[in-house]
Amino acid sequence: MPRELLWDRTEAPDDELWRLQRIADFFPTFGREYETVVELHHNRDRLRLDAATRTLIEEYHRAWQLKKQRDAEAVRGRIRR
């Protein structure tokens, strides 16, 4: 959890949804890395998201999935040679 998102607390609560909501509130300034995008996407129906943020999370998720797929294909291509 980025320290910048904890301005009103000394530490983040153990509640995963709280953490994701705080990140979502500032997405995409924070939370663009793969693991966080996957969690945001997975929990998007449980988070309070405006339409623009929901769309951004879906687009980032799609982009990460494509990157992972291309990376896997590149590795398979190198192994075959």
N, C-alpha and C. Protein backbone atom coordinates (compact mmCIF):
# COMPACT_ATOMS: atom_id res chain seq x y z
N MET A 1 0.85 -1.17 0.00
CA MET A 1 0.00 0.00 0.00
C MET A 1 0.90 1.24 0.00
N PRO A 2 0.79 2.07 -1.02
CA PRO A 2 1.61 3.28 -1.07
C PRO A 2 1.34 4.20 0.12
N ARG A 3 2.40 4.71 0.70
CA ARG A 3 2.27 5.61 1.86
C ARG A 3 1.42 6.84 1.52
N GLU A 4 1.48 7.28 0.28
CA GLU A 4 0.72 8.46 -0.13
C GLU A 4 -0.79 8.27 0.04
N LEU A 5 -1.22 7.03 0.05
CA LEU A 5 -2.66 6.75 0.17
C LEU A 5 -3.10 6.57 1.63
N LEU A 6 -2.18 6.77 2.54
CA LEU A 6 -2.49 6.60 3.96
C LEU A 6 -2.40 7.92 4.72
N TRP A 7 -2.77 9.01 4.08
CA TRP A 7 -2.64 10.32 4.70
C TRP A 7 -3.43 10.43 6.00
N ASP A 8 -4.49 9.67 6.14
CA ASP A 8 -5.36 9.78 7.31
C ASP A 8 -5.16 8.64 8.31
N ARG A 9 -4.14 7.83 8.10
CA ARG A 9 -3.89 6.66 8.95
C ARG A 9 -2.39 6.46 9.13
N THR A 10 -2.04 5.79 10.20
CA THR A 10 -0.63 5.45 10.38
C THR A 10 -0.27 4.19 9.62
N GLU A 11 -1.25 3.31 9.43
CA GLU A 11 -1.05 2.11 8.62
C GLU A 11 -2.38 1.68 8.03
N ALA A 12 -2.29 0.88 6.98
CA ALA A 12 -3.50 0.41 6.30
C ALA A 12 -4.18 -0.67 7.13
N PRO A 13 -5.51 -0.69 7.13
CA PRO A 13 -6.22 -1.78 7.81
C PRO A 13 -5.93 -3.12 7.13
N ASP A 14 -6.20 -4.18 7.82
CA ASP A 14 -6.01 -5.52 7.25
C ASP A 14 -7.07 -5.86 6.21
N ASP A 15 -8.10 -5.06 6.12
CA ASP A 15 -9.21 -5.29 5.20
C ASP A 15 -8.77 -5.09 3.75
N GLU A 16 -8.72 -6.18 3.00
CA GLU A 16 -8.26 -6.12 1.61
C GLU A 16 -9.15 -5.23 0.75
N LEU A 17 -10.46 -5.28 0.97
CA LEU A 17 -11.35 -4.42 0.18
C LEU A 17 -11.11 -2.94 0.48
N TRP A 18 -10.81 -2.62 1.72
CA TRP A 18 -10.50 -1.22 2.05
C TRP A 18 -9.28 -0.78 1.25
N ARG A 19 -8.26 -1.61 1.25
CA ARG A 19 -7.03 -1.29 0.52
C ARG A 19 -7.30 -1.12 -0.97
N LEU A 20 -8.05 -2.05 -1.53
CA LEU A 20 -8.36 -1.96 -2.96
C LEU A 20 -9.20 -0.73 -3.27
N GLN A 21 -10.14 -0.41 -2.40
CA GLN A 21 -10.97 0.78 -2.62
C GLN A 21 -10.11 2.03 -2.61
N ARG A 22 -9.18 2.10 -1.67
CA ARG A 22 -8.31 3.28 -1.59
C ARG A 22 -7.47 3.39 -2.86
N ILE A 23 -6.95 2.29 -3.34
CA ILE A 23 -6.18 2.30 -4.59
C ILE A 23 -7.08 2.68 -5.76
N ALA A 24 -8.27 2.09 -5.80
CA ALA A 24 -9.21 2.39 -6.90
C ALA A 24 -9.58 3.87 -6.92
N ASP A 25 -9.68 4.47 -5.75
CA ASP A 25 -10.02 5.89 -5.68
C ASP A 25 -8.98 6.76 -6.36
N PHE A 26 -7.77 6.25 -6.48
CA PHE A 26 -6.68 7.03 -7.08
C PHE A 26 -6.10 6.35 -8.32
N PHE A 27 -6.82 5.39 -8.87
CA PHE A 27 -6.39 4.69 -10.07
C PHE A 27 -6.57 5.61 -11.27
N PRO A 28 -5.64 5.71 -12.19
CA PRO A 28 -4.44 4.92 -12.38
C PRO A 28 -3.15 5.57 -11.85
N THR A 29 -3.29 6.62 -11.05
CA THR A 29 -2.07 7.20 -10.46
C THR A 29 -1.35 6.15 -9.63
N PHE A 30 -2.12 5.34 -8.92
CA PHE A 30 -1.58 4.22 -8.15
C PHE A 30 -2.27 2.94 -8.61
N GLY A 31 -1.58 1.83 -8.51
CA GLY A 31 -2.21 0.54 -8.75
C GLY A 31 -2.13 0.01 -10.16
N ARG A 32 -1.21 0.50 -10.96
CA ARG A 32 -1.14 0.04 -12.35
C ARG A 32 -0.37 -1.26 -12.53
N GLU A 33 0.32 -1.74 -11.51
CA GLU A 33 1.11 -2.96 -11.66
C GLU A 33 0.17 -4.17 -11.80
N TYR A 34 0.69 -5.19 -12.42
CA TYR A 34 -0.11 -6.36 -12.80
C TYR A 34 -0.94 -6.93 -11.65
N GLU A 35 -0.30 -7.23 -10.54
CA GLU A 35 -0.99 -7.91 -9.44
C GLU A 35 -2.15 -7.07 -8.91
N THR A 36 -1.95 -5.77 -8.82
CA THR A 36 -3.00 -4.89 -8.31
C THR A 36 -4.14 -4.78 -9.31
N VAL A 37 -3.81 -4.66 -10.58
CA VAL A 37 -4.86 -4.58 -11.60
C VAL A 37 -5.70 -5.84 -11.60
N VAL A 38 -5.06 -6.99 -11.45
CA VAL A 38 -5.81 -8.25 -11.40
C VAL A 38 -6.77 -8.24 -10.21
N GLU A 39 -6.30 -7.80 -9.05
CA GLU A 39 -7.17 -7.75 -7.87
C GLU A 39 -8.29 -6.74 -8.02
N LEU A 40 -7.97 -5.57 -8.57
CA LEU A 40 -9.02 -4.57 -8.81
C LEU A 40 -10.07 -5.12 -9.77
N HIS A 41 -9.60 -5.75 -10.83
CA HIS A 41 -10.52 -6.30 -11.82
C HIS A 41 -11.38 -7.41 -11.21
N HIS A 42 -10.76 -8.27 -10.46
CA HIS A 42 -11.48 -9.38 -9.84
C HIS A 42 -12.55 -8.88 -8.86
N ASN A 43 -12.28 -7.79 -8.19
CA ASN A 43 -13.19 -7.26 -7.16
C ASN A 43 -13.99 -6.05 -7.64
N ARG A 44 -13.99 -5.77 -8.92
CA ARG A 44 -14.61 -4.53 -9.41
C ARG A 44 -16.09 -4.41 -9.07
N ASP A 45 -16.80 -5.50 -8.95
CA ASP A 45 -18.22 -5.42 -8.59
C ASP A 45 -18.43 -5.18 -7.10
N ARG A 46 -17.40 -5.36 -6.33
CA ARG A 46 -17.50 -5.15 -4.88
C ARG A 46 -16.99 -3.77 -4.47
N LEU A 47 -16.36 -3.06 -5.41
CA LEU A 47 -15.81 -1.74 -5.13
C LEU A 47 -16.74 -0.65 -5.64
N ARG A 48 -16.65 0.51 -5.02
CA ARG A 48 -17.41 1.68 -5.50
C ARG A 48 -16.56 2.35 -6.58
N LEU A 49 -16.94 2.12 -7.83
CA LEU A 49 -16.18 2.64 -8.96
C LEU A 49 -17.10 3.48 -9.84
N ASP A 50 -16.59 4.63 -10.26
CA ASP A 50 -17.35 5.36 -11.26
C ASP A 50 -17.10 4.69 -12.61
N ALA A 51 -17.89 5.04 -13.59
CA ALA A 51 -17.82 4.37 -14.89
C ALA A 51 -16.43 4.51 -15.52
N ALA A 52 -15.83 5.68 -15.40
CA ALA A 52 -14.52 5.91 -16.02
C ALA A 52 -13.44 5.03 -15.37
N THR A 53 -13.46 4.94 -14.06
CA THR A 53 -12.47 4.12 -13.36
C THR A 53 -12.67 2.65 -13.67
N ARG A 54 -13.92 2.21 -13.71
CA ARG A 54 -14.22 0.82 -14.06
C ARG A 54 -13.67 0.50 -15.45
N THR A 55 -13.90 1.40 -16.39
CA THR A 55 -13.41 1.19 -17.75
C THR A 55 -11.89 1.16 -17.78
N LEU A 56 -11.25 2.06 -17.05
CA LEU A 56 -9.79 2.07 -17.00
C LEU A 56 -9.24 0.76 -16.44
N ILE A 57 -9.84 0.28 -15.37
CA ILE A 57 -9.39 -0.99 -14.78
C ILE A 57 -9.57 -2.12 -15.78
N GLU A 58 -10.69 -2.14 -16.47
CA GLU A 58 -10.92 -3.19 -17.47
C GLU A 58 -9.90 -3.10 -18.61
N GLU A 59 -9.59 -1.89 -19.04
CA GLU A 59 -8.61 -1.71 -20.12
C GLU A 59 -7.20 -2.09 -19.66
N TYR A 60 -6.83 -1.68 -18.47
CA TYR A 60 -5.52 -2.08 -17.95
C TYR A 60 -5.44 -3.60 -17.82
N HIS A 61 -6.51 -4.21 -17.35
CA HIS A 61 -6.54 -5.67 -17.22
C HIS A 61 -6.36 -6.33 -18.58
N ARG A 62 -7.08 -5.83 -19.56
CA ARG A 62 -6.98 -6.38 -20.92
C ARG A 62 -5.55 -6.21 -21.46
N ALA A 63 -4.97 -5.05 -21.24
CA ALA A 63 -3.61 -4.79 -21.72
C ALA A 63 -2.60 -5.72 -21.03
N TRP A 64 -2.75 -5.91 -19.73
CA TRP A 64 -1.85 -6.81 -19.02
C TRP A 64 -2.01 -8.24 -19.52
N GLN A 65 -3.23 -8.66 -19.76
CA GLN A 65 -3.46 -10.02 -20.26
C GLN A 65 -2.79 -10.20 -21.62
N LEU A 66 -2.93 -9.22 -22.49
CA LEU A 66 -2.29 -9.30 -23.81
C LEU A 66 -0.77 -9.34 -23.68
N LYS A 67 -0.22 -8.53 -22.78
CA LYS A 67 1.23 -8.54 -22.58
C LYS A 67 1.69 -9.89 -22.07
N LYS A 68 0.99 -10.45 -21.11
CA LYS A 68 1.36 -11.77 -20.58
C LYS A 68 1.28 -12.83 -21.68
N GLN A 69 0.25 -12.74 -22.50
CA GLN A 69 0.10 -13.70 -23.60
C GLN A 69 1.25 -13.56 -24.60
N ARG A 70 1.57 -12.34 -24.97
CA ARG A 70 2.67 -12.11 -25.92
C ARG A 70 4.01 -12.56 -25.34
N ASP A 71 4.21 -12.29 -24.07
CA ASP A 71 5.45 -12.73 -23.42
C ASP A 71 5.56 -14.25 -23.44
N ALA A 72 4.45 -14.92 -23.15
CA ALA A 72 4.45 -16.39 -23.15
C ALA A 72 4.71 -16.92 -24.56
N GLU A 73 4.12 -16.29 -25.56
CA GLU A 73 4.35 -16.72 -26.94
C GLU A 73 5.80 -16.50 -27.34
N ALA A 74 6.38 -15.40 -26.90
CA ALA A 74 7.78 -15.13 -27.22
C ALA A 74 8.69 -16.18 -26.58
N VAL A 75 8.39 -16.55 -25.36
CA VAL A 75 9.19 -17.57 -24.68
C VAL A 75 9.05 -18.90 -25.41
N ARG A 76 7.82 -19.26 -25.77
CA ARG A 76 7.61 -20.52 -26.50
C ARG A 76 8.35 -20.49 -27.83
N GLY A 77 8.35 -19.34 -28.49
CA GLY A 77 9.05 -19.21 -29.77
C GLY A 77 10.55 -19.40 -29.61
N ARG A 78 11.11 -18.89 -28.53
CA ARG A 78 12.55 -19.05 -28.27
C ARG A 78 12.89 -20.49 -27.92
N ILE A 79 11.99 -21.17 -27.25
CA ILE A 79 12.26 -22.56 -26.86
C ILE A 79 12.25 -23.47 -28.09
N ARG A 80 11.38 -23.20 -29.04
CA ARG A 80 11.26 -24.04 -30.24
C ARG A 80 12.49 -23.95 -31.14
N ARG A 81 13.18 -22.85 -31.09
CA ARG A 81 14.31 -22.65 -32.01
C ARG A 81 15.47 -23.51 -31.70
